[in-house]
Amino acid sequence: MSVNTIYNYNVEEIFVIEYLNTSYIMLLNAILENIEVLNKISENKEITDVVFDSRKVKSGSLFVATRGTAVDGHNFIDCAVANGAVAVMCEYLPEKLADGVAYVKVADSAEALPLIIFTIVRQKTLLL
């Protein structure tokens, strides 16, 4: 599966249905291996899932704040952290950073999301 193929699907559906129904934990640094990181404020966190909807965040999540046509996910970073996100990927850092949460700044989080999925899928495939 290529990154271009991932763009043609509902990203969240692929991730939840095919890849996160098993207990698989990946380190944040490994997830970021194909991402151009502009700034990283973190320690290496264990990530259990990746979500871009703050309402679906649970303990261990990497929340990817994306800008939509109607809603900007950056407005929900605090909510995601309150729901248990251990890491946040965003285009601009919030004014107040939560203790114990990793923050990763990228140029375009919507472009980074399929790269993250591609990396996780590839790593899981190597374990088979």
N, C-alpha and C. Protein backbone atom coordinates (compact mmCIF):
# COMPACT_ATOMS: atom_id res chain seq x y z
N MET A 1 0.85 -1.17 0.00
CA MET A 1 0.00 0.00 0.00
C MET A 1 0.90 1.23 0.00
N SER A 2 0.67 2.13 -0.91
CA SER A 2 1.47 3.35 -0.97
C SER A 2 0.76 4.48 -0.25
N VAL A 3 1.49 5.54 0.00
CA VAL A 3 0.89 6.71 0.63
C VAL A 3 -0.23 7.25 -0.25
N ASN A 4 -0.03 7.25 -1.57
CA ASN A 4 -1.07 7.75 -2.48
C ASN A 4 -2.34 6.92 -2.36
N THR A 5 -2.21 5.61 -2.17
CA THR A 5 -3.38 4.77 -2.00
C THR A 5 -4.13 5.14 -0.73
N ILE A 6 -3.39 5.41 0.32
CA ILE A 6 -4.03 5.75 1.59
C ILE A 6 -4.87 7.02 1.45
N TYR A 7 -4.41 7.98 0.64
CA TYR A 7 -5.17 9.21 0.44
C TYR A 7 -6.56 8.96 -0.13
N ASN A 8 -6.75 7.86 -0.85
CA ASN A 8 -8.03 7.60 -1.50
C ASN A 8 -9.08 6.97 -0.59
N TYR A 9 -8.73 6.67 0.64
CA TYR A 9 -9.65 6.05 1.57
C TYR A 9 -9.96 6.97 2.74
N ASN A 10 -11.00 6.62 3.45
CA ASN A 10 -11.30 7.31 4.69
C ASN A 10 -10.23 6.90 5.69
N VAL A 11 -9.32 7.81 6.00
CA VAL A 11 -8.15 7.51 6.81
C VAL A 11 -8.55 6.89 8.14
N GLU A 12 -9.50 7.49 8.82
CA GLU A 12 -9.89 7.00 10.14
C GLU A 12 -10.44 5.58 10.03
N GLU A 13 -11.22 5.29 9.00
CA GLU A 13 -11.81 3.97 8.83
C GLU A 13 -10.73 2.91 8.65
N ILE A 14 -9.76 3.17 7.80
CA ILE A 14 -8.66 2.22 7.60
C ILE A 14 -7.97 1.96 8.92
N PHE A 15 -7.66 3.01 9.61
CA PHE A 15 -6.87 2.90 10.83
C PHE A 15 -7.60 2.10 11.89
N VAL A 16 -8.84 2.44 12.15
CA VAL A 16 -9.58 1.78 13.23
C VAL A 16 -9.92 0.35 12.87
N ILE A 17 -10.44 0.12 11.68
CA ILE A 17 -10.92 -1.21 11.32
C ILE A 17 -9.78 -2.19 11.10
N GLU A 18 -8.78 -1.82 10.32
CA GLU A 18 -7.77 -2.78 9.91
C GLU A 18 -6.57 -2.86 10.83
N TYR A 19 -6.18 -1.77 11.45
CA TYR A 19 -4.87 -1.76 12.09
C TYR A 19 -4.86 -1.57 13.59
N LEU A 20 -5.90 -1.06 14.16
CA LEU A 20 -5.85 -0.81 15.60
C LEU A 20 -6.77 -1.71 16.40
N ASN A 21 -7.34 -2.72 15.77
CA ASN A 21 -8.15 -3.66 16.52
C ASN A 21 -7.30 -4.66 17.28
N THR A 22 -6.00 -4.65 17.06
CA THR A 22 -5.09 -5.48 17.83
C THR A 22 -4.34 -4.58 18.79
N SER A 23 -3.85 -5.18 19.85
CA SER A 23 -3.09 -4.36 20.79
C SER A 23 -1.67 -4.20 20.24
N TYR A 24 -1.39 -3.05 19.72
CA TYR A 24 -0.10 -2.76 19.11
C TYR A 24 0.34 -1.40 19.61
N ILE A 25 1.49 -1.35 20.21
CA ILE A 25 2.01 -0.09 20.73
C ILE A 25 3.27 0.25 19.95
N MET A 26 3.37 1.51 19.55
CA MET A 26 4.54 1.96 18.80
C MET A 26 5.07 3.22 19.46
N LEU A 27 6.37 3.37 19.46
CA LEU A 27 6.97 4.56 20.05
C LEU A 27 6.81 5.76 19.12
N LEU A 28 6.60 6.92 19.71
CA LEU A 28 6.40 8.14 18.95
C LEU A 28 7.54 8.39 17.97
N ASN A 29 8.77 8.22 18.40
CA ASN A 29 9.91 8.47 17.50
C ASN A 29 9.87 7.58 16.26
N ALA A 30 9.42 6.34 16.41
CA ALA A 30 9.30 5.44 15.26
C ALA A 30 8.19 5.89 14.32
N ILE A 31 7.10 6.39 14.88
CA ILE A 31 5.98 6.88 14.06
C ILE A 31 6.42 8.09 13.23
N LEU A 32 7.32 8.88 13.78
CA LEU A 32 7.74 10.12 13.12
C LEU A 32 8.87 9.94 12.11
N GLU A 33 9.29 8.72 11.86
CA GLU A 33 10.48 8.51 11.02
C GLU A 33 10.34 9.06 9.59
N ASN A 34 9.14 9.15 9.05
CA ASN A 34 8.95 9.68 7.69
C ASN A 34 8.36 11.08 7.67
N ILE A 35 8.31 11.73 8.82
CA ILE A 35 7.69 13.04 8.95
C ILE A 35 8.76 14.11 9.11
N GLU A 36 8.58 15.22 8.40
CA GLU A 36 9.48 16.36 8.60
C GLU A 36 8.98 17.15 9.80
N VAL A 37 9.68 17.00 10.90
CA VAL A 37 9.29 17.64 12.16
C VAL A 37 9.97 19.00 12.26
N LEU A 38 9.18 20.05 12.50
CA LEU A 38 9.71 21.40 12.64
C LEU A 38 10.17 21.67 14.07
N ASN A 39 9.45 21.11 15.03
CA ASN A 39 9.78 21.31 16.44
C ASN A 39 9.18 20.16 17.23
N LYS A 40 9.92 19.66 18.18
CA LYS A 40 9.42 18.54 18.99
C LYS A 40 9.72 18.83 20.45
N ILE A 41 8.67 18.83 21.24
CA ILE A 41 8.79 19.03 22.68
C ILE A 41 8.27 17.75 23.30
N SER A 42 9.21 16.84 23.60
CA SER A 42 8.71 15.56 24.08
C SER A 42 9.79 14.65 24.58
N GLU A 43 9.29 13.60 25.19
CA GLU A 43 10.06 12.41 25.42
C GLU A 43 9.41 11.36 24.53
N ASN A 44 10.06 10.25 24.34
CA ASN A 44 9.53 9.21 23.46
C ASN A 44 8.35 8.52 24.14
N LYS A 45 7.15 8.74 23.65
CA LYS A 45 5.93 8.20 24.26
C LYS A 45 5.49 6.91 23.57
N GLU A 46 4.81 6.05 24.32
CA GLU A 46 4.17 4.88 23.74
C GLU A 46 2.81 5.30 23.20
N ILE A 47 2.58 5.03 21.92
CA ILE A 47 1.34 5.42 21.24
C ILE A 47 0.52 4.17 20.97
N THR A 48 -0.74 4.20 21.37
CA THR A 48 -1.63 3.06 21.15
C THR A 48 -2.56 3.26 19.96
N ASP A 49 -2.83 4.51 19.60
CA ASP A 49 -3.64 4.79 18.41
C ASP A 49 -3.42 6.23 17.98
N VAL A 50 -3.85 6.50 16.76
CA VAL A 50 -3.72 7.84 16.18
C VAL A 50 -5.10 8.29 15.76
N VAL A 51 -5.50 9.47 16.24
CA VAL A 51 -6.85 9.98 15.92
C VAL A 51 -6.77 11.45 15.55
N PHE A 52 -7.74 11.89 14.76
CA PHE A 52 -7.83 13.30 14.43
C PHE A 52 -9.15 13.90 14.88
N ASP A 53 -9.93 13.13 15.63
CA ASP A 53 -11.19 13.59 16.23
C ASP A 53 -11.00 13.54 17.74
N SER A 54 -10.98 14.68 18.39
CA SER A 54 -10.68 14.74 19.83
C SER A 54 -11.68 13.94 20.67
N ARG A 55 -12.88 13.73 20.15
CA ARG A 55 -13.88 12.96 20.88
C ARG A 55 -13.54 11.47 20.93
N LYS A 56 -12.66 11.02 20.05
CA LYS A 56 -12.29 9.60 19.99
C LYS A 56 -10.95 9.32 20.66
N VAL A 57 -10.36 10.34 21.26
CA VAL A 57 -9.08 10.18 21.95
C VAL A 57 -9.29 9.35 23.20
N LYS A 58 -8.32 8.48 23.48
CA LYS A 58 -8.31 7.72 24.72
C LYS A 58 -6.88 7.70 25.24
N SER A 59 -6.69 7.14 26.38
CA SER A 59 -5.36 7.10 26.97
C SER A 59 -4.37 6.43 26.02
N GLY A 60 -3.26 7.12 25.74
CA GLY A 60 -2.24 6.58 24.84
C GLY A 60 -2.34 7.08 23.41
N SER A 61 -3.32 7.91 23.11
CA SER A 61 -3.52 8.40 21.75
C SER A 61 -2.50 9.45 21.33
N LEU A 62 -2.20 9.45 20.04
CA LEU A 62 -1.55 10.58 19.38
C LEU A 62 -2.68 11.34 18.69
N PHE A 63 -2.93 12.56 19.10
CA PHE A 63 -3.96 13.39 18.47
C PHE A 63 -3.32 14.24 17.40
N VAL A 64 -3.82 14.12 16.18
CA VAL A 64 -3.33 14.92 15.06
C VAL A 64 -4.34 16.03 14.80
N ALA A 65 -3.95 17.26 15.10
CA ALA A 65 -4.83 18.42 14.92
C ALA A 65 -4.75 18.86 13.45
N THR A 66 -5.84 18.67 12.73
CA THR A 66 -5.89 19.05 11.32
C THR A 66 -6.87 20.19 11.13
N ARG A 67 -6.61 20.98 10.12
CA ARG A 67 -7.53 22.07 9.78
C ARG A 67 -8.55 21.55 8.76
N GLY A 68 -9.82 21.66 9.12
CA GLY A 68 -10.87 21.25 8.20
C GLY A 68 -11.48 22.46 7.52
N THR A 69 -12.47 22.23 6.70
CA THR A 69 -13.12 23.34 6.01
C THR A 69 -14.01 24.14 6.96
N ALA A 70 -14.55 23.47 7.99
CA ALA A 70 -15.44 24.15 8.93
C ALA A 70 -14.85 24.25 10.33
N VAL A 71 -13.98 23.32 10.69
CA VAL A 71 -13.46 23.26 12.06
C VAL A 71 -11.95 23.08 12.02
N ASP A 72 -11.27 23.73 12.94
CA ASP A 72 -9.82 23.59 13.08
C ASP A 72 -9.53 22.73 14.30
N GLY A 73 -8.92 21.57 14.07
CA GLY A 73 -8.61 20.64 15.15
C GLY A 73 -7.71 21.23 16.22
N HIS A 74 -6.98 22.30 15.89
CA HIS A 74 -6.13 22.94 16.89
C HIS A 74 -6.94 23.50 18.05
N ASN A 75 -8.21 23.82 17.78
CA ASN A 75 -9.09 24.33 18.83
C ASN A 75 -9.47 23.25 19.85
N PHE A 76 -9.16 21.99 19.55
CA PHE A 76 -9.56 20.88 20.40
C PHE A 76 -8.38 20.16 21.04
N ILE A 77 -7.19 20.75 20.95
CA ILE A 77 -6.01 20.13 21.55
C ILE A 77 -6.20 19.93 23.05
N ASP A 78 -6.68 20.94 23.75
CA ASP A 78 -6.89 20.82 25.20
C ASP A 78 -7.88 19.70 25.53
N CYS A 79 -8.92 19.59 24.74
CA CYS A 79 -9.91 18.53 24.92
C CYS A 79 -9.27 17.15 24.71
N ALA A 80 -8.45 17.04 23.67
CA ALA A 80 -7.78 15.77 23.38
C ALA A 80 -6.86 15.37 24.54
N VAL A 81 -6.13 16.34 25.06
CA VAL A 81 -5.23 16.07 26.19
C VAL A 81 -6.05 15.66 27.42
N ALA A 82 -7.16 16.33 27.66
CA ALA A 82 -8.03 15.98 28.79
C ALA A 82 -8.59 14.57 28.64
N ASN A 83 -8.79 14.14 27.39
CA ASN A 83 -9.33 12.80 27.14
C ASN A 83 -8.25 11.72 27.18
N GLY A 84 -6.98 12.10 27.33
CA GLY A 84 -5.94 11.10 27.50
C GLY A 84 -4.84 11.08 26.45
N ALA A 85 -4.84 12.02 25.52
CA ALA A 85 -3.78 12.04 24.51
C ALA A 85 -2.42 12.21 25.19
N VAL A 86 -1.46 11.37 24.80
CA VAL A 86 -0.11 11.49 25.36
C VAL A 86 0.80 12.26 24.41
N ALA A 87 0.31 12.48 23.19
CA ALA A 87 1.08 13.24 22.20
C ALA A 87 0.12 13.99 21.29
N VAL A 88 0.60 15.14 20.80
CA VAL A 88 -0.19 15.98 19.90
C VAL A 88 0.69 16.38 18.73
N MET A 89 0.17 16.20 17.51
CA MET A 89 0.83 16.71 16.32
C MET A 89 0.01 17.89 15.83
N CYS A 90 0.68 19.01 15.58
CA CYS A 90 -0.04 20.23 15.22
C CYS A 90 0.82 21.11 14.32
N GLU A 91 0.17 22.10 13.72
CA GLU A 91 0.87 23.06 12.85
C GLU A 91 1.37 24.26 13.64
N TYR A 92 0.75 24.52 14.77
CA TYR A 92 1.24 25.56 15.68
C TYR A 92 0.98 25.08 17.10
N LEU A 93 1.92 25.36 17.97
CA LEU A 93 1.83 24.90 19.34
C LEU A 93 0.84 25.74 20.14
N PRO A 94 0.09 25.09 21.03
CA PRO A 94 -0.81 25.87 21.88
C PRO A 94 -0.01 26.76 22.83
N GLU A 95 -0.65 27.81 23.31
CA GLU A 95 0.03 28.73 24.24
C GLU A 95 0.45 28.02 25.52
N LYS A 96 -0.41 27.16 26.03
CA LYS A 96 -0.12 26.44 27.26
C LYS A 96 0.11 24.97 26.92
N LEU A 97 1.29 24.46 27.28
CA LEU A 97 1.62 23.06 27.03
C LEU A 97 1.35 22.26 28.30
N ALA A 98 0.67 21.14 28.14
CA ALA A 98 0.35 20.28 29.28
C ALA A 98 1.57 19.47 29.69
N ASP A 99 1.76 19.29 30.97
CA ASP A 99 2.85 18.48 31.48
C ASP A 99 2.66 17.02 31.06
N GLY A 100 3.75 16.38 30.69
CA GLY A 100 3.70 14.95 30.36
C GLY A 100 3.18 14.63 28.97
N VAL A 101 2.89 15.64 28.18
CA VAL A 101 2.38 15.43 26.82
C VAL A 101 3.45 15.83 25.82
N ALA A 102 3.65 15.00 24.81
CA ALA A 102 4.61 15.30 23.75
C ALA A 102 3.92 16.16 22.69
N TYR A 103 4.61 17.18 22.21
CA TYR A 103 4.08 18.04 21.16
C TYR A 103 5.02 17.99 19.96
N VAL A 104 4.45 17.77 18.78
CA VAL A 104 5.22 17.68 17.55
C VAL A 104 4.64 18.69 16.57
N LYS A 105 5.46 19.64 16.15
CA LYS A 105 5.02 20.66 15.21
C LYS A 105 5.46 20.26 13.80
N VAL A 106 4.52 20.30 12.86
CA VAL A 106 4.78 20.00 11.46
C VAL A 106 4.20 21.11 10.60
N ALA A 107 4.62 21.18 9.35
CA ALA A 107 4.11 22.21 8.45
C ALA A 107 2.65 21.98 8.10
N ASP A 108 2.26 20.72 7.85
CA ASP A 108 0.89 20.40 7.45
C ASP A 108 0.51 19.06 8.07
N SER A 109 -0.29 19.09 9.11
CA SER A 109 -0.65 17.86 9.80
C SER A 109 -1.56 16.96 8.97
N ALA A 110 -2.35 17.52 8.07
CA ALA A 110 -3.19 16.70 7.20
C ALA A 110 -2.34 15.88 6.22
N GLU A 111 -1.22 16.45 5.79
CA GLU A 111 -0.30 15.71 4.93
C GLU A 111 0.50 14.68 5.72
N ALA A 112 0.76 14.96 6.98
CA ALA A 112 1.53 14.05 7.82
C ALA A 112 0.72 12.81 8.21
N LEU A 113 -0.59 12.95 8.34
CA LEU A 113 -1.43 11.85 8.82
C LEU A 113 -1.31 10.57 7.98
N PRO A 114 -1.44 10.62 6.66
CA PRO A 114 -1.29 9.37 5.91
C PRO A 114 0.13 8.80 5.97
N LEU A 115 1.12 9.66 6.15
CA LEU A 115 2.50 9.17 6.31
C LEU A 115 2.66 8.41 7.62
N ILE A 116 1.98 8.89 8.65
CA ILE A 116 1.98 8.19 9.93
C ILE A 116 1.35 6.81 9.77
N ILE A 117 0.22 6.77 9.12
CA ILE A 117 -0.48 5.50 8.91
C ILE A 117 0.37 4.55 8.10
N PHE A 118 0.99 5.06 7.05
CA PHE A 118 1.86 4.24 6.21
C PHE A 118 2.99 3.64 7.05
N THR A 119 3.59 4.44 7.91
CA THR A 119 4.68 3.96 8.76
C THR A 119 4.21 2.86 9.70
N ILE A 120 3.06 3.05 10.31
CA ILE A 120 2.54 2.05 11.25
C ILE A 120 2.19 0.76 10.52
N VAL A 121 1.54 0.89 9.38
CA VAL A 121 1.18 -0.30 8.60
C VAL A 121 2.44 -1.06 8.19
N ARG A 122 3.45 -0.35 7.75
CA ARG A 122 4.70 -0.99 7.34
C ARG A 122 5.36 -1.70 8.52
N GLN A 123 5.40 -1.05 9.68
CA GLN A 123 6.01 -1.66 10.86
C GLN A 123 5.25 -2.91 11.29
N LYS A 124 3.93 -2.83 11.26
CA LYS A 124 3.13 -4.01 11.64
C LYS A 124 3.33 -5.15 10.66
N THR A 125 3.45 -4.82 9.38
CA THR A 125 3.67 -5.83 8.36
C THR A 125 5.01 -6.54 8.57
N LEU A 126 6.03 -5.80 8.98
CA LEU A 126 7.33 -6.40 9.23
C LEU A 126 7.29 -7.38 10.40
N LEU A 127 6.32 -7.22 11.29
CA LEU A 127 6.21 -8.13 12.43
C LEU A 127 5.52 -9.43 12.09
N LEU A 128 4.85 -9.46 10.94
CA LEU A 128 4.10 -10.69 10.56
C LEU A 128 5.03 -11.80 10.14
